[in-house]
């Protein structure tokens, strides 16, 4: 599972719009399986609770920052069969407690698109009695730690977290994409072919050799900013070259091959594979949460 804080600038902060989106999810390819509110005197009246939360937020006139904390929690497709409506609510309670929002108003919803299931939570950052603004400190570390605990307790697939510094750990962006879509990210695809690329680099004497080795897998390489990126020759995907392997960083490659040189079409290179966003492994237990 992956958690992500979706940031908003204060000018674009709208608790009501977010809460209504959470309950509706009326855009293409997605539906809301369940929605609820908590921490509100309106009890189970979802719409009335939105008005209540907005009224509380308006009582804080000192803060010029955003007053809504939007949390997205995504689960692997193979974990869907292990989750129930009760477990989603229990998991949300755990996040509220860990982030310091247990006493705060919030609106929650379970969304399902064609590939995965995920939970949206809108937390009002304004305390309903003190009207003070609460912003969790180092929330990313708190959330990642809690994700690993919940994965162990519920028997869920372990995703790469910030504290997991394995060599092949995905970036937070790529891991989130895989959790949301249930498909292999471009970064994963590039890393899957890392060994072949590194082997080819060992015998490369100039940039053209590296370009041809990458092209065999539908990949390219080009400068971006102060570094290099691995690109998808058949799409708009890209990832930092150093994220695939440190030996592919601009510094290392330029020390070995000299100043960067673009690809020259000297000969036809047979393409052995290309990135196609294939589905990740799915559990045979996977099924619908609701009927």
Protein backbone atom coordinates (compact mmCIF):
# COMPACT_ATOMS: atom_id res chain seq x y z
CA UNK A 1 0.00 0.00 0.00
CA UNK A 2 1.06 3.55 -0.73
CA UNK A 3 -0.02 6.75 1.00
CA UNK A 4 0.30 10.18 -0.50
CA UNK A 5 -0.46 13.68 0.72
CA UNK A 6 -2.03 15.55 -2.21
CA UNK A 7 -0.90 19.13 -1.65
CA UNK A 8 -2.99 22.19 -2.40
CA UNK A 9 -2.07 25.85 -2.42
CA UNK A 10 -4.21 27.91 -0.06
CA UNK A 11 -5.84 29.66 -3.02
CA UNK A 12 -7.09 26.32 -4.35
CA UNK A 13 -8.09 24.75 -1.03
CA UNK A 14 -11.79 23.80 -1.07
CA UNK A 15 -12.87 21.27 1.54
CA UNK A 16 -16.44 21.09 0.25
CA UNK A 17 -15.42 20.37 -3.35
CA UNK A 18 -13.01 17.65 -2.24
CA UNK A 19 -15.55 16.01 0.09
CA UNK A 20 -18.20 15.97 -2.65
CA UNK A 21 -15.71 14.49 -5.11
CA UNK A 22 -14.87 11.76 -2.58
CA UNK A 23 -18.53 10.74 -2.32
CA UNK A 24 -19.29 10.99 -6.03
CA UNK A 25 -16.21 9.97 -8.06
CA UNK A 26 -18.31 10.63 -11.13
CA UNK A 27 -15.43 11.00 -13.56
CA UNK A 28 -14.61 8.45 -16.26
CA UNK A 29 -13.61 4.95 -15.20
CA UNK A 30 -14.10 5.37 -11.49
CA UNK A 31 -16.83 4.76 -8.95
CA UNK A 32 -17.27 5.29 -5.24
CA UNK A 33 -17.95 2.05 -3.39
CA UNK A 34 -18.56 3.65 0.02
CA UNK A 35 -18.26 7.03 1.73
CA UNK A 36 -18.55 8.22 5.32
CA UNK A 37 -17.68 11.09 7.62
CA UNK A 38 -16.16 11.11 11.10
CA UNK A 39 -15.42 13.59 13.88
CA UNK A 40 -18.59 15.53 13.09
CA UNK A 41 -21.59 16.34 15.27
CA UNK A 42 -23.71 15.73 12.17
CA UNK A 43 -23.09 12.00 12.67
CA UNK A 44 -23.80 10.15 9.41
CA UNK A 45 -25.26 13.11 7.51
CA UNK A 46 -22.47 13.47 4.92
CA UNK A 47 -23.65 16.73 3.36
CA UNK A 48 -24.45 18.42 6.66
CA UNK A 49 -21.03 17.39 7.94
CA UNK A 50 -19.42 19.20 5.00
CA UNK A 51 -21.15 22.43 6.03
CA UNK A 52 -20.04 21.83 9.61
CA UNK A 53 -16.39 21.32 8.63
CA UNK A 54 -16.38 24.42 6.45
CA UNK A 55 -17.91 26.47 9.26
CA UNK A 56 -15.14 25.33 11.60
CA UNK A 57 -12.49 26.21 9.01
CA UNK A 58 -13.95 29.70 8.67
CA UNK A 59 -13.43 30.25 12.41
CA UNK A 60 -9.68 30.23 11.91
CA UNK A 61 -8.86 33.62 10.43
CA UNK A 62 -5.18 33.71 11.40
CA UNK A 63 -3.73 31.04 9.14
CA UNK A 64 -2.99 31.95 5.55
CA UNK A 65 -2.10 28.35 4.65
CA UNK A 66 -4.32 25.59 3.34
CA UNK A 67 -6.83 24.16 5.84
CA UNK A 68 -7.50 20.81 4.18
CA UNK A 69 -5.22 17.75 4.19
CA UNK A 70 -6.03 15.39 1.31
CA UNK A 71 -4.75 11.86 1.91
CA UNK A 72 -4.71 9.17 -0.77
CA UNK A 73 -4.12 5.54 0.29
CA UNK A 74 -3.72 3.06 -2.58
CA UNK A 75 -3.70 -0.72 -2.40
CA UNK A 76 -2.27 -3.36 -4.70
CA UNK A 77 -4.79 -5.16 -6.93
CA UNK A 78 -3.92 -8.53 -5.37
CA UNK A 79 -4.84 -7.17 -1.91
CA UNK A 80 -8.41 -6.22 -2.84
CA UNK A 81 -9.86 -9.58 -1.73
CA UNK A 82 -8.31 -9.13 1.73
CA UNK A 83 -10.03 -5.80 2.41
CA UNK A 84 -13.53 -5.18 3.76
CA UNK A 85 -15.49 -1.97 4.42
CA UNK A 86 -14.73 -2.43 8.13
CA UNK A 87 -11.00 -2.77 7.51
CA UNK A 88 -10.97 0.42 5.41
CA UNK A 89 -12.58 2.35 8.27
CA UNK A 90 -10.13 0.83 10.76
CA UNK A 91 -7.20 1.79 8.53
CA UNK A 92 -8.50 5.35 8.24
CA UNK A 93 -8.75 5.56 12.05
CA UNK A 94 -5.11 4.51 12.26
CA UNK A 95 -4.03 7.24 9.85
CA UNK A 96 -6.10 9.85 11.69
CA UNK A 97 -4.45 8.90 14.99
CA UNK A 98 -0.93 8.79 13.55
CA UNK A 99 -1.31 12.17 11.83
CA UNK A 100 -2.98 13.85 14.81
CA UNK A 101 -6.42 14.19 13.20
CA UNK A 102 -8.43 11.88 15.48
CA UNK A 103 -10.44 14.81 16.89
CA UNK A 104 -10.78 16.54 13.52
CA UNK A 105 -13.63 16.40 11.02
CA UNK A 106 -13.03 14.28 7.96
CA UNK A 107 -14.78 12.81 4.94
CA UNK A 108 -13.67 9.47 3.52
CA UNK A 109 -14.42 7.35 0.48
CA UNK A 110 -13.38 4.10 -1.19
CA UNK A 111 -12.82 4.43 -4.93
CA UNK A 112 -12.41 1.72 -7.54
CA UNK A 113 -11.25 2.14 -11.10
CA UNK A 114 -10.56 -0.62 -13.59
CA UNK A 115 -7.28 -1.68 -11.99
CA UNK A 116 -7.18 -0.98 -8.30
CA UNK A 117 -8.89 0.18 -5.17
CA UNK A 118 -7.90 3.21 -3.11
CA UNK A 119 -9.16 5.47 -0.34
CA UNK A 120 -9.47 9.26 -0.32
CA UNK A 121 -9.67 11.17 2.96
CA UNK A 122 -10.27 14.89 3.43
CA UNK A 123 -9.09 16.01 6.86
CA UNK A 124 -10.00 19.44 8.14
CA UNK A 125 -6.77 20.78 9.61
CA UNK A 126 -8.70 23.09 11.94
CA UNK A 127 -9.54 21.66 15.36
CA UNK A 128 -13.35 21.77 15.87
CA UNK A 129 -13.09 23.26 19.38
CA UNK A 130 -9.80 25.16 19.59
CA UNK A 131 -9.94 26.41 15.97
CA UNK A 132 -6.18 25.98 15.77
CA UNK A 133 -4.52 24.62 12.63
CA UNK A 134 -2.72 21.31 12.88
CA UNK A 135 -0.10 20.31 10.31
CA UNK A 136 1.58 16.93 10.88
CA UNK A 137 5.36 17.11 11.27
CA UNK A 138 7.35 14.88 8.89
CA UNK A 139 4.12 13.24 7.84
CA UNK A 140 5.77 11.24 5.04
CA UNK A 141 7.86 9.28 7.55
CA UNK A 142 4.85 8.74 9.81
CA UNK A 143 2.71 7.52 6.91
CA UNK A 144 5.34 5.19 5.51
CA UNK A 145 5.94 3.62 8.92
CA UNK A 146 2.21 3.09 9.39
CA UNK A 147 1.85 1.57 5.90
CA UNK A 148 4.45 -1.06 6.73
CA UNK A 149 2.68 -1.86 10.02
CA UNK A 150 -0.73 -2.19 8.35
CA UNK A 151 0.71 -4.38 5.59
CA UNK A 152 2.05 -6.78 8.19
CA UNK A 153 -1.16 -6.81 10.24
CA UNK A 154 -3.52 -7.33 7.29
CA UNK A 155 -1.22 -9.58 5.25
CA UNK A 156 -0.96 -7.07 2.40
CA UNK A 157 1.72 -6.82 -0.27
CA UNK A 158 4.69 -4.81 0.98
CA UNK A 159 5.35 -1.71 -1.12
CA UNK A 160 8.57 0.25 -1.25
CA UNK A 161 8.66 2.89 1.49
CA UNK A 162 11.10 5.67 2.32
CA UNK A 163 12.74 3.54 4.99
CA UNK A 164 13.31 0.72 2.50
CA UNK A 165 16.52 1.64 0.72
CA UNK A 166 16.84 -1.48 -1.39
CA UNK A 167 18.84 -1.08 -4.58
CA UNK A 168 15.81 -1.61 -6.80
CA UNK A 169 13.33 0.37 -4.70
CA UNK A 170 10.98 2.44 -6.84
CA UNK A 171 10.65 6.18 -6.54
CA UNK A 172 7.60 7.34 -4.61
CA UNK A 173 6.00 8.56 -7.86
CA UNK A 174 6.49 5.23 -9.67
CA UNK A 175 5.32 3.20 -6.69
CA UNK A 176 2.19 5.34 -6.44
CA UNK A 177 1.47 4.90 -10.16
CA UNK A 178 1.71 1.11 -9.82
CA UNK A 179 -0.50 1.10 -6.73
CA UNK A 180 -3.12 3.26 -8.45
CA UNK A 181 -3.16 1.55 -11.85
CA UNK A 182 -2.11 -2.03 -11.13
CA UNK A 183 0.28 -1.73 -14.12
CA UNK A 184 4.04 -1.78 -14.41
CA UNK A 185 5.50 1.71 -14.31
CA UNK A 186 8.01 2.86 -16.91
CA UNK A 187 10.63 3.08 -14.15
CA UNK A 188 10.03 -0.59 -13.29
CA UNK A 189 10.35 -1.57 -16.94
CA UNK A 190 13.67 0.25 -17.28
CA UNK A 191 14.98 -1.36 -14.09
CA UNK A 192 13.84 -4.78 -15.32
CA UNK A 193 16.32 -4.40 -18.19
CA UNK A 194 19.04 -2.82 -16.07
CA UNK A 195 21.33 -5.87 -16.06
CA UNK A 196 21.39 -6.04 -19.86
CA UNK A 197 22.06 -2.31 -20.12
CA UNK A 198 24.92 -2.48 -17.60
CA UNK A 199 26.46 -5.48 -19.39
CA UNK A 200 26.36 -3.57 -22.66
CA UNK A 201 27.86 -0.51 -21.01
CA UNK A 202 30.88 -2.55 -19.88
CA UNK A 203 31.92 -3.07 -23.50
CA UNK A 204 30.75 0.30 -24.84
CA UNK A 205 33.47 2.59 -26.19
CA UNK A 206 31.28 5.54 -27.23
CA UNK A 207 27.75 6.90 -26.80
CA UNK A 208 26.45 5.20 -29.93
CA UNK A 209 27.01 1.79 -28.32
CA UNK A 210 24.86 2.77 -25.34
CA UNK A 211 22.15 4.26 -27.57
CA UNK A 212 21.91 1.04 -29.56
CA UNK A 213 21.76 -1.13 -26.43
CA UNK A 214 18.92 1.00 -25.06
CA UNK A 215 17.08 1.08 -28.40
CA UNK A 216 16.90 -2.71 -28.39
CA UNK A 217 14.45 -2.35 -25.50
CA UNK A 218 12.57 0.65 -26.83
CA UNK A 219 14.56 3.03 -24.65
CA UNK A 220 16.52 6.19 -25.26
CA UNK A 221 18.70 8.53 -23.23
CA UNK A 222 19.00 12.31 -23.40
CA UNK A 223 20.03 15.31 -21.27
CA UNK A 224 17.48 16.87 -18.93
CA UNK A 225 18.41 19.72 -16.65
CA UNK A 226 21.78 18.92 -15.11
CA UNK A 227 21.43 15.17 -15.63
CA UNK A 228 20.18 12.48 -17.97
CA UNK A 229 16.85 10.73 -18.38
CA UNK A 230 15.91 7.35 -19.82
CA UNK A 231 13.03 7.84 -22.26
CA UNK A 232 10.36 5.72 -23.91
CA UNK A 233 10.97 5.76 -27.67
CA UNK A 234 7.30 4.95 -28.25
CA UNK A 235 5.67 7.24 -25.69
CA UNK A 236 6.07 10.22 -23.38
CA UNK A 237 7.45 8.34 -20.37
CA UNK A 238 10.79 9.17 -18.80
CA UNK A 239 12.73 8.48 -15.62
CA UNK A 240 16.03 9.71 -14.21
CA UNK A 241 18.88 7.61 -15.56
CA UNK A 242 20.53 7.52 -12.13
CA UNK A 243 17.26 6.12 -10.68
CA UNK A 244 17.66 3.07 -12.91
CA UNK A 245 21.27 2.61 -11.79
CA UNK A 246 23.95 4.91 -10.41
CA UNK A 247 26.33 3.88 -13.19
CA UNK A 248 23.95 5.59 -15.63
CA UNK A 249 24.28 9.01 -14.02
CA UNK A 250 25.57 11.86 -16.17
CA UNK A 251 28.79 12.05 -14.17
CA UNK A 252 29.63 8.35 -14.52
CA UNK A 253 28.69 8.11 -18.20
CA UNK A 254 30.59 11.25 -19.19
CA UNK A 255 33.67 10.05 -17.36
CA UNK A 256 33.47 6.81 -19.34
CA UNK A 257 32.15 7.92 -22.75
CA UNK A 258 33.00 11.61 -22.87
CA UNK A 259 30.63 14.49 -23.56
CA UNK A 260 27.09 13.37 -24.38
CA UNK A 261 26.43 12.60 -28.04
CA UNK A 262 22.91 12.04 -29.46
CA UNK A 263 21.92 8.88 -31.33
CA UNK A 264 23.04 8.55 -34.97
CA UNK A 265 21.07 6.28 -37.30
CA UNK A 266 23.99 4.25 -38.57
CA UNK A 267 22.31 0.86 -38.65
CA UNK A 268 19.00 -0.85 -37.97
CA UNK A 269 18.72 -2.08 -34.38
CA UNK A 270 16.41 -5.02 -33.76
CA UNK A 271 13.92 -4.17 -31.03
CA UNK A 272 13.59 -7.00 -28.53
CA UNK A 273 10.99 -5.39 -26.29
CA UNK A 274 9.22 -2.13 -25.53
CA UNK A 275 7.30 -0.61 -22.60
CA UNK A 276 3.61 -1.53 -22.68
CA UNK A 277 2.35 -0.95 -19.09
CA UNK A 278 1.57 -4.62 -18.56
CA UNK A 279 -0.60 -5.61 -15.56
CA UNK A 280 1.24 -6.48 -12.38
CA UNK A 281 0.80 -9.90 -10.81
CA UNK A 282 -2.76 -10.45 -9.63
CA UNK A 283 -3.87 -12.78 -6.89
CA UNK A 284 -6.33 -15.55 -7.88
CA UNK A 285 -8.34 -14.43 -4.85
CA UNK A 286 -8.95 -11.02 -6.37
CA UNK A 287 -12.62 -10.18 -6.62
CA UNK A 288 -15.11 -7.42 -6.23
CA UNK A 289 -15.36 -5.72 -2.86
CA UNK A 290 -19.07 -5.15 -3.37
CA UNK A 291 -21.70 -6.82 -5.50
